[in-house]
Amino acid sequence: MIVVIQRVNRASVTINQKEKKDIKKGLMILTGIGKDDDASDIDWIAKKIVNLRIFKDENDKMNLSVKDIDGEIMIVSQFTLFASTKKGNRPGFGDAALPDQAIPLYELFISKVTELSGKKPATGEFGADMDIDMINHGPVTIIIDSKNRQ
């Protein structure tokens, strides 16, 4: 599982040019589910995200988590995080999980983040055409791959 975590002042996702969901200060999580991922990847990354200390404290140091600041979270699926560009100029996505595997893991991830943070995150829609708008504060962007946790 690969996630791109962005600290935001605000973020929104428009789904199929209709439905719009938004958050205020918190985290935008772009989420890629790989074909080798399972529930242990979900658990590890969810715990890491909810407890990641990337918000500034009173001493201007990144020392607070999204829970500490009572921030919001948005989770959007993005299989393109598994793009392989080794050959040619057209990315391959062979390491991304297919929908029958990815959707249950994506839903488990949302559930786990809800449980750990105490708040239901705003979400995109798996496989939908989405437009994302956000203000990345800092900027702070962190990439985590669950296969690199050892």
N, C-alpha and C. Protein backbone atom coordinates (compact mmCIF):
# COMPACT_ATOMS: atom_id res chain seq x y z
N MET A 1 0.86 -1.18 0.00
CA MET A 1 0.00 0.00 0.00
C MET A 1 0.90 1.23 0.00
N ILE A 2 0.56 2.15 -0.85
CA ILE A 2 1.30 3.41 -0.92
C ILE A 2 0.31 4.54 -0.65
N VAL A 3 0.72 5.46 0.24
CA VAL A 3 -0.10 6.64 0.49
C VAL A 3 0.77 7.89 0.33
N VAL A 4 0.14 8.92 -0.18
CA VAL A 4 0.74 10.25 -0.22
C VAL A 4 -0.07 11.08 0.75
N ILE A 5 0.60 11.56 1.79
CA ILE A 5 -0.05 12.32 2.86
C ILE A 5 0.30 13.78 2.67
N GLN A 6 -0.72 14.62 2.59
CA GLN A 6 -0.48 16.05 2.46
C GLN A 6 -1.19 16.78 3.58
N ARG A 7 -0.41 17.63 4.26
CA ARG A 7 -0.99 18.47 5.31
C ARG A 7 -1.68 19.63 4.61
N VAL A 8 -2.97 19.79 4.88
CA VAL A 8 -3.75 20.80 4.15
C VAL A 8 -4.46 21.77 5.08
N ASN A 9 -4.67 22.97 4.57
CA ASN A 9 -5.54 23.94 5.25
C ASN A 9 -6.99 23.69 4.87
N ARG A 10 -7.17 23.14 3.66
CA ARG A 10 -8.49 22.73 3.20
C ARG A 10 -8.30 21.82 2.00
N ALA A 11 -9.29 20.98 1.74
CA ALA A 11 -9.27 20.11 0.56
C ALA A 11 -10.70 19.76 0.19
N SER A 12 -10.89 19.52 -1.11
CA SER A 12 -12.21 19.08 -1.57
C SER A 12 -12.02 18.12 -2.74
N VAL A 13 -13.00 17.27 -2.91
CA VAL A 13 -13.03 16.36 -4.05
C VAL A 13 -14.41 16.47 -4.68
N THR A 14 -14.41 16.64 -6.01
CA THR A 14 -15.64 16.65 -6.78
C THR A 14 -15.68 15.33 -7.54
N ILE A 15 -16.77 14.60 -7.40
CA ILE A 15 -16.90 13.26 -7.96
C ILE A 15 -17.85 13.29 -9.15
N ASN A 16 -17.34 12.82 -10.30
CA ASN A 16 -18.14 12.78 -11.54
C ASN A 16 -18.79 14.13 -11.84
N GLN A 17 -18.06 15.20 -11.57
CA GLN A 17 -18.50 16.59 -11.82
C GLN A 17 -19.78 16.96 -11.10
N LYS A 18 -20.14 16.23 -10.03
CA LYS A 18 -21.39 16.50 -9.33
C LYS A 18 -21.17 16.68 -7.84
N GLU A 19 -20.99 15.57 -7.16
CA GLU A 19 -20.92 15.56 -5.70
C GLU A 19 -19.60 16.13 -5.22
N LYS A 20 -19.67 16.99 -4.23
CA LYS A 20 -18.46 17.59 -3.68
C LYS A 20 -18.38 17.33 -2.19
N LYS A 21 -17.22 16.88 -1.75
CA LYS A 21 -16.96 16.68 -0.33
C LYS A 21 -15.75 17.52 0.03
N ASP A 22 -15.74 18.06 1.26
CA ASP A 22 -14.60 18.89 1.64
C ASP A 22 -14.24 18.75 3.11
N ILE A 23 -13.01 19.15 3.40
CA ILE A 23 -12.52 19.18 4.77
C ILE A 23 -11.81 20.51 4.99
N LYS A 24 -11.65 20.83 6.26
CA LYS A 24 -10.84 21.99 6.63
C LYS A 24 -9.46 21.48 7.01
N LYS A 25 -8.80 22.08 7.94
CA LYS A 25 -7.42 21.72 8.32
C LYS A 25 -7.31 20.24 8.66
N GLY A 26 -6.31 19.59 8.05
CA GLY A 26 -6.12 18.17 8.32
C GLY A 26 -5.21 17.52 7.30
N LEU A 27 -5.59 16.31 6.88
CA LEU A 27 -4.76 15.51 5.98
C LEU A 27 -5.53 15.06 4.75
N MET A 28 -4.91 15.21 3.60
CA MET A 28 -5.39 14.63 2.35
C MET A 28 -4.55 13.37 2.14
N ILE A 29 -5.21 12.22 2.02
CA ILE A 29 -4.52 10.95 1.85
C ILE A 29 -4.87 10.37 0.49
N LEU A 30 -3.91 10.37 -0.43
CA LEU A 30 -4.06 9.70 -1.71
C LEU A 30 -3.60 8.27 -1.49
N THR A 31 -4.43 7.30 -1.87
CA THR A 31 -4.25 5.91 -1.45
C THR A 31 -4.17 4.96 -2.63
N GLY A 32 -3.07 4.22 -2.70
CA GLY A 32 -2.92 3.19 -3.72
C GLY A 32 -2.85 1.82 -3.07
N ILE A 33 -3.69 0.91 -3.52
CA ILE A 33 -3.71 -0.46 -3.00
C ILE A 33 -2.99 -1.35 -4.02
N GLY A 34 -1.99 -2.10 -3.53
CA GLY A 34 -1.23 -2.97 -4.41
C GLY A 34 -1.75 -4.39 -4.40
N LYS A 35 -1.39 -5.15 -5.43
CA LYS A 35 -1.87 -6.53 -5.55
C LYS A 35 -1.35 -7.44 -4.45
N ASP A 36 -0.27 -7.04 -3.76
CA ASP A 36 0.28 -7.84 -2.66
C ASP A 36 -0.16 -7.34 -1.29
N ASP A 37 -1.08 -6.40 -1.23
CA ASP A 37 -1.51 -5.82 0.04
C ASP A 37 -2.59 -6.66 0.71
N ASP A 38 -2.62 -6.55 2.05
CA ASP A 38 -3.63 -7.24 2.84
C ASP A 38 -3.97 -6.39 4.06
N ALA A 39 -4.74 -6.93 4.98
CA ALA A 39 -5.21 -6.18 6.15
C ALA A 39 -4.06 -5.68 7.03
N SER A 40 -2.94 -6.39 7.05
CA SER A 40 -1.82 -5.92 7.87
C SER A 40 -1.24 -4.62 7.33
N ASP A 41 -1.25 -4.45 6.00
CA ASP A 41 -0.79 -3.19 5.41
C ASP A 41 -1.73 -2.05 5.80
N ILE A 42 -3.03 -2.34 5.76
CA ILE A 42 -4.04 -1.35 6.13
C ILE A 42 -3.86 -0.91 7.58
N ASP A 43 -3.73 -1.88 8.49
CA ASP A 43 -3.57 -1.57 9.92
C ASP A 43 -2.35 -0.70 10.17
N TRP A 44 -1.22 -1.09 9.58
CA TRP A 44 0.03 -0.38 9.83
C TRP A 44 -0.04 1.05 9.33
N ILE A 45 -0.53 1.23 8.10
CA ILE A 45 -0.57 2.58 7.53
C ILE A 45 -1.61 3.44 8.24
N ALA A 46 -2.76 2.89 8.59
CA ALA A 46 -3.78 3.67 9.29
C ALA A 46 -3.24 4.20 10.62
N LYS A 47 -2.57 3.33 11.38
CA LYS A 47 -1.97 3.77 12.65
C LYS A 47 -0.92 4.85 12.43
N LYS A 48 -0.10 4.67 11.40
CA LYS A 48 0.96 5.64 11.10
C LYS A 48 0.35 6.99 10.76
N ILE A 49 -0.68 7.01 9.93
CA ILE A 49 -1.30 8.27 9.51
C ILE A 49 -1.91 9.01 10.68
N VAL A 50 -2.70 8.33 11.47
CA VAL A 50 -3.43 8.98 12.56
C VAL A 50 -2.48 9.54 13.63
N ASN A 51 -1.33 8.92 13.78
CA ASN A 51 -0.39 9.34 14.81
C ASN A 51 0.81 10.13 14.29
N LEU A 52 0.90 10.33 12.98
CA LEU A 52 2.02 11.04 12.38
C LEU A 52 2.04 12.49 12.85
N ARG A 53 3.16 12.89 13.44
CA ARG A 53 3.27 14.22 14.04
C ARG A 53 3.84 15.20 13.01
N ILE A 54 2.94 15.81 12.23
CA ILE A 54 3.38 16.74 11.19
C ILE A 54 2.71 18.11 11.28
N PHE A 55 2.01 18.36 12.40
CA PHE A 55 1.42 19.67 12.63
C PHE A 55 2.23 20.39 13.69
N LYS A 56 2.35 21.70 13.55
CA LYS A 56 3.20 22.48 14.45
C LYS A 56 2.58 22.66 15.83
N ASP A 57 3.46 22.61 16.84
CA ASP A 57 3.04 22.87 18.22
C ASP A 57 3.28 24.35 18.54
N GLU A 58 3.13 24.70 19.81
CA GLU A 58 3.30 26.10 20.24
C GLU A 58 4.73 26.60 20.06
N ASN A 59 5.70 25.68 19.90
CA ASN A 59 7.09 26.06 19.67
C ASN A 59 7.47 26.02 18.19
N ASP A 60 6.47 25.92 17.33
CA ASP A 60 6.67 25.90 15.88
C ASP A 60 7.42 24.66 15.39
N LYS A 61 7.31 23.56 16.14
CA LYS A 61 7.92 22.30 15.74
C LYS A 61 6.83 21.32 15.32
N MET A 62 7.11 20.51 14.30
CA MET A 62 6.15 19.49 13.89
C MET A 62 6.13 18.42 14.96
N ASN A 63 5.12 18.52 15.82
CA ASN A 63 5.07 17.66 17.00
C ASN A 63 3.66 17.18 17.32
N LEU A 64 2.68 17.55 16.50
CA LEU A 64 1.29 17.20 16.78
C LEU A 64 0.71 16.36 15.65
N SER A 65 -0.17 15.45 16.02
CA SER A 65 -0.84 14.60 15.02
C SER A 65 -2.17 15.23 14.62
N VAL A 66 -2.81 14.64 13.61
CA VAL A 66 -4.12 15.10 13.19
C VAL A 66 -5.13 14.94 14.33
N LYS A 67 -4.96 13.91 15.16
CA LYS A 67 -5.84 13.74 16.32
C LYS A 67 -5.61 14.87 17.32
N ASP A 68 -4.34 15.23 17.55
CA ASP A 68 -4.01 16.27 18.53
C ASP A 68 -4.63 17.61 18.18
N ILE A 69 -4.75 17.91 16.89
CA ILE A 69 -5.29 19.21 16.48
C ILE A 69 -6.79 19.13 16.17
N ASP A 70 -7.39 17.94 16.37
CA ASP A 70 -8.78 17.71 16.04
C ASP A 70 -9.04 18.02 14.56
N GLY A 71 -8.08 17.60 13.72
CA GLY A 71 -8.16 17.85 12.29
C GLY A 71 -9.05 16.85 11.57
N GLU A 72 -9.25 17.12 10.31
CA GLU A 72 -10.08 16.26 9.47
C GLU A 72 -9.20 15.48 8.50
N ILE A 73 -9.75 14.42 7.95
CA ILE A 73 -9.02 13.57 7.01
C ILE A 73 -9.88 13.33 5.78
N MET A 74 -9.23 13.37 4.62
CA MET A 74 -9.89 13.00 3.37
C MET A 74 -9.07 11.87 2.75
N ILE A 75 -9.74 10.80 2.33
CA ILE A 75 -9.09 9.66 1.70
C ILE A 75 -9.62 9.51 0.28
N VAL A 76 -8.69 9.48 -0.69
CA VAL A 76 -9.06 9.34 -2.09
C VAL A 76 -8.24 8.21 -2.69
N SER A 77 -8.89 7.28 -3.37
CA SER A 77 -8.18 6.17 -4.01
C SER A 77 -7.44 6.67 -5.23
N GLN A 78 -6.22 6.14 -5.43
CA GLN A 78 -5.41 6.57 -6.57
C GLN A 78 -4.47 5.44 -6.99
N PHE A 79 -4.97 4.57 -7.87
CA PHE A 79 -4.18 3.41 -8.30
C PHE A 79 -2.91 3.83 -9.03
N THR A 80 -2.89 5.07 -9.57
CA THR A 80 -1.72 5.52 -10.32
C THR A 80 -0.47 5.66 -9.46
N LEU A 81 -0.61 5.56 -8.13
CA LEU A 81 0.57 5.56 -7.28
C LEU A 81 1.44 4.33 -7.54
N PHE A 82 0.88 3.33 -8.19
CA PHE A 82 1.63 2.12 -8.53
C PHE A 82 2.15 2.15 -9.97
N ALA A 83 2.21 3.33 -10.57
CA ALA A 83 2.70 3.45 -11.94
C ALA A 83 4.15 3.00 -12.05
N SER A 84 4.42 2.18 -13.05
CA SER A 84 5.78 1.79 -13.38
C SER A 84 6.16 2.50 -14.67
N THR A 85 7.29 3.20 -14.63
CA THR A 85 7.74 3.95 -15.80
C THR A 85 9.09 3.44 -16.30
N LYS A 86 9.40 2.20 -15.97
CA LYS A 86 10.70 1.64 -16.34
C LYS A 86 10.85 1.49 -17.85
N LYS A 87 9.79 1.09 -18.52
CA LYS A 87 9.84 0.87 -19.97
C LYS A 87 8.98 1.90 -20.68
N GLY A 88 9.53 2.48 -21.72
CA GLY A 88 8.75 3.40 -22.55
C GLY A 88 8.25 4.61 -21.81
N ASN A 89 7.25 5.24 -22.39
CA ASN A 89 6.70 6.48 -21.83
C ASN A 89 5.27 6.35 -21.36
N ARG A 90 4.69 5.17 -21.53
CA ARG A 90 3.34 4.93 -21.05
C ARG A 90 3.43 4.12 -19.77
N PRO A 91 2.94 4.66 -18.64
CA PRO A 91 3.04 3.93 -17.37
C PRO A 91 2.28 2.62 -17.40
N GLY A 92 2.83 1.64 -16.70
CA GLY A 92 2.13 0.38 -16.49
C GLY A 92 1.63 0.31 -15.06
N PHE A 93 0.53 -0.39 -14.85
CA PHE A 93 -0.08 -0.45 -13.53
C PHE A 93 -0.26 -1.88 -13.04
N GLY A 94 0.63 -2.76 -13.45
CA GLY A 94 0.54 -4.18 -13.12
C GLY A 94 0.64 -4.51 -11.64
N ASP A 95 1.23 -3.60 -10.84
CA ASP A 95 1.34 -3.86 -9.40
C ASP A 95 0.15 -3.36 -8.60
N ALA A 96 -0.76 -2.61 -9.26
CA ALA A 96 -1.96 -2.13 -8.58
C ALA A 96 -2.97 -3.26 -8.46
N ALA A 97 -3.66 -3.31 -7.34
CA ALA A 97 -4.70 -4.32 -7.14
C ALA A 97 -5.88 -4.05 -8.07
N LEU A 98 -6.49 -5.12 -8.54
CA LEU A 98 -7.71 -4.98 -9.33
C LEU A 98 -8.88 -4.64 -8.40
N PRO A 99 -9.94 -4.05 -8.93
CA PRO A 99 -11.05 -3.59 -8.08
C PRO A 99 -11.61 -4.64 -7.13
N ASP A 100 -11.72 -5.92 -7.55
CA ASP A 100 -12.31 -6.92 -6.65
C ASP A 100 -11.48 -7.13 -5.39
N GLN A 101 -10.20 -6.87 -5.44
CA GLN A 101 -9.33 -6.94 -4.26
C GLN A 101 -9.21 -5.57 -3.60
N ALA A 102 -9.07 -4.52 -4.41
CA ALA A 102 -8.79 -3.18 -3.88
C ALA A 102 -9.96 -2.55 -3.14
N ILE A 103 -11.17 -2.72 -3.64
CA ILE A 103 -12.32 -2.05 -3.02
C ILE A 103 -12.53 -2.50 -1.57
N PRO A 104 -12.52 -3.80 -1.27
CA PRO A 104 -12.68 -4.18 0.14
C PRO A 104 -11.56 -3.65 1.03
N LEU A 105 -10.33 -3.61 0.51
CA LEU A 105 -9.21 -3.08 1.30
C LEU A 105 -9.33 -1.57 1.48
N TYR A 106 -9.77 -0.87 0.45
CA TYR A 106 -10.01 0.57 0.54
C TYR A 106 -11.08 0.86 1.60
N GLU A 107 -12.16 0.09 1.59
CA GLU A 107 -13.22 0.27 2.57
C GLU A 107 -12.74 -0.08 3.98
N LEU A 108 -11.91 -1.10 4.10
CA LEU A 108 -11.31 -1.46 5.40
C LEU A 108 -10.43 -0.32 5.90
N PHE A 109 -9.67 0.28 4.99
CA PHE A 109 -8.81 1.41 5.34
C PHE A 109 -9.62 2.57 5.90
N ILE A 110 -10.71 2.92 5.23
CA ILE A 110 -11.58 4.00 5.70
C ILE A 110 -12.13 3.66 7.08
N SER A 111 -12.55 2.43 7.27
CA SER A 111 -13.08 1.98 8.55
C SER A 111 -12.02 2.06 9.65
N LYS A 112 -10.81 1.63 9.34
CA LYS A 112 -9.72 1.63 10.33
C LYS A 112 -9.34 3.06 10.71
N VAL A 113 -9.26 3.96 9.74
CA VAL A 113 -8.94 5.36 10.03
C VAL A 113 -10.05 5.98 10.88
N THR A 114 -11.30 5.64 10.59
CA THR A 114 -12.42 6.12 11.39
C THR A 114 -12.28 5.66 12.83
N GLU A 115 -12.00 4.38 13.00
CA GLU A 115 -11.85 3.80 14.35
C GLU A 115 -10.71 4.47 15.12
N LEU A 116 -9.57 4.65 14.48
CA LEU A 116 -8.39 5.19 15.17
C LEU A 116 -8.45 6.69 15.41
N SER A 117 -9.11 7.41 14.51
CA SER A 117 -9.15 8.87 14.65
C SER A 117 -10.38 9.35 15.42
N GLY A 118 -11.41 8.51 15.46
CA GLY A 118 -12.65 8.92 16.11
C GLY A 118 -13.53 9.77 15.22
N LYS A 119 -13.13 9.92 13.96
CA LYS A 119 -13.91 10.72 13.00
C LYS A 119 -13.97 9.98 11.68
N LYS A 120 -15.13 10.04 11.03
CA LYS A 120 -15.25 9.44 9.71
C LYS A 120 -14.62 10.38 8.70
N PRO A 121 -13.65 9.89 7.93
CA PRO A 121 -13.02 10.75 6.93
C PRO A 121 -13.95 11.02 5.75
N ALA A 122 -13.74 12.16 5.11
CA ALA A 122 -14.39 12.41 3.83
C ALA A 122 -13.68 11.51 2.82
N THR A 123 -14.38 11.07 1.79
CA THR A 123 -13.77 10.17 0.83
C THR A 123 -14.16 10.52 -0.59
N GLY A 124 -13.30 10.06 -1.48
CA GLY A 124 -13.66 10.07 -2.89
C GLY A 124 -14.50 8.83 -3.15
N GLU A 125 -14.65 8.49 -4.42
CA GLU A 125 -15.39 7.29 -4.80
C GLU A 125 -14.47 6.42 -5.64
N PHE A 126 -14.27 5.20 -5.21
CA PHE A 126 -13.34 4.30 -5.89
C PHE A 126 -13.69 4.19 -7.38
N GLY A 127 -12.72 4.44 -8.23
CA GLY A 127 -12.89 4.29 -9.67
C GLY A 127 -13.61 5.43 -10.38
N ALA A 128 -14.03 6.43 -9.64
CA ALA A 128 -14.78 7.53 -10.25
C ALA A 128 -13.82 8.56 -10.85
N ASP A 129 -14.36 9.41 -11.71
CA ASP A 129 -13.62 10.55 -12.23
C ASP A 129 -13.71 11.64 -11.17
N MET A 130 -12.56 12.04 -10.63
CA MET A 130 -12.55 12.98 -9.51
C MET A 130 -11.62 14.16 -9.79
N ASP A 131 -12.01 15.31 -9.29
CA ASP A 131 -11.17 16.51 -9.30
C ASP A 131 -10.88 16.87 -7.85
N ILE A 132 -9.60 17.08 -7.55
CA ILE A 132 -9.19 17.42 -6.19
C ILE A 132 -8.67 18.85 -6.17
N ASP A 133 -9.11 19.58 -5.16
CA ASP A 133 -8.65 20.95 -4.94
C ASP A 133 -8.18 21.01 -3.50
N MET A 134 -6.99 21.58 -3.29
CA MET A 134 -6.50 21.66 -1.91
C MET A 134 -5.47 22.74 -1.76
N ILE A 135 -5.28 23.15 -0.53
CA ILE A 135 -4.20 24.05 -0.15
C ILE A 135 -3.27 23.21 0.71
N ASN A 136 -2.11 22.85 0.16
CA ASN A 136 -1.10 22.07 0.90
C ASN A 136 -0.34 23.06 1.76
N HIS A 137 -0.43 22.89 3.07
CA HIS A 137 0.20 23.82 4.00
C HIS A 137 1.63 23.39 4.32
N GLY A 138 2.54 24.30 4.13
CA GLY A 138 3.95 24.03 4.44
C GLY A 138 4.87 24.39 3.28
N PRO A 139 4.84 23.70 2.19
CA PRO A 139 4.09 22.46 1.94
C PRO A 139 4.69 21.28 2.68
N VAL A 140 3.82 20.38 3.10
CA VAL A 140 4.24 19.13 3.73
C VAL A 140 3.58 17.99 2.95
N THR A 141 4.42 17.14 2.37
CA THR A 141 3.97 15.97 1.63
C THR A 141 4.86 14.81 2.02
N ILE A 142 4.26 13.71 2.46
CA ILE A 142 5.01 12.53 2.91
C ILE A 142 4.45 11.31 2.19
N ILE A 143 5.37 10.49 1.68
CA ILE A 143 4.99 9.25 0.99
C ILE A 143 5.36 8.07 1.88
N ILE A 144 4.40 7.17 2.09
CA ILE A 144 4.67 5.98 2.89
C ILE A 144 4.25 4.74 2.08
N ASP A 145 5.14 3.77 2.04
CA ASP A 145 4.90 2.49 1.38
C ASP A 145 4.93 1.42 2.46
N SER A 146 3.83 0.69 2.61
CA SER A 146 3.76 -0.31 3.68
C SER A 146 4.78 -1.44 3.48
N LYS A 147 5.28 -1.61 2.28
CA LYS A 147 6.28 -2.66 2.04
C LYS A 147 7.67 -2.25 2.51
N ASN A 148 7.83 -1.00 2.91
CA ASN A 148 9.11 -0.50 3.42
C ASN A 148 9.09 -0.29 4.93
N ARG A 149 8.26 -1.02 5.63
CA ARG A 149 8.13 -0.80 7.08
C ARG A 149 9.16 -1.52 7.91
N GLN A 150 9.90 -2.42 7.34
CA GLN A 150 10.89 -3.21 8.10
C GLN A 150 12.10 -2.41 8.45
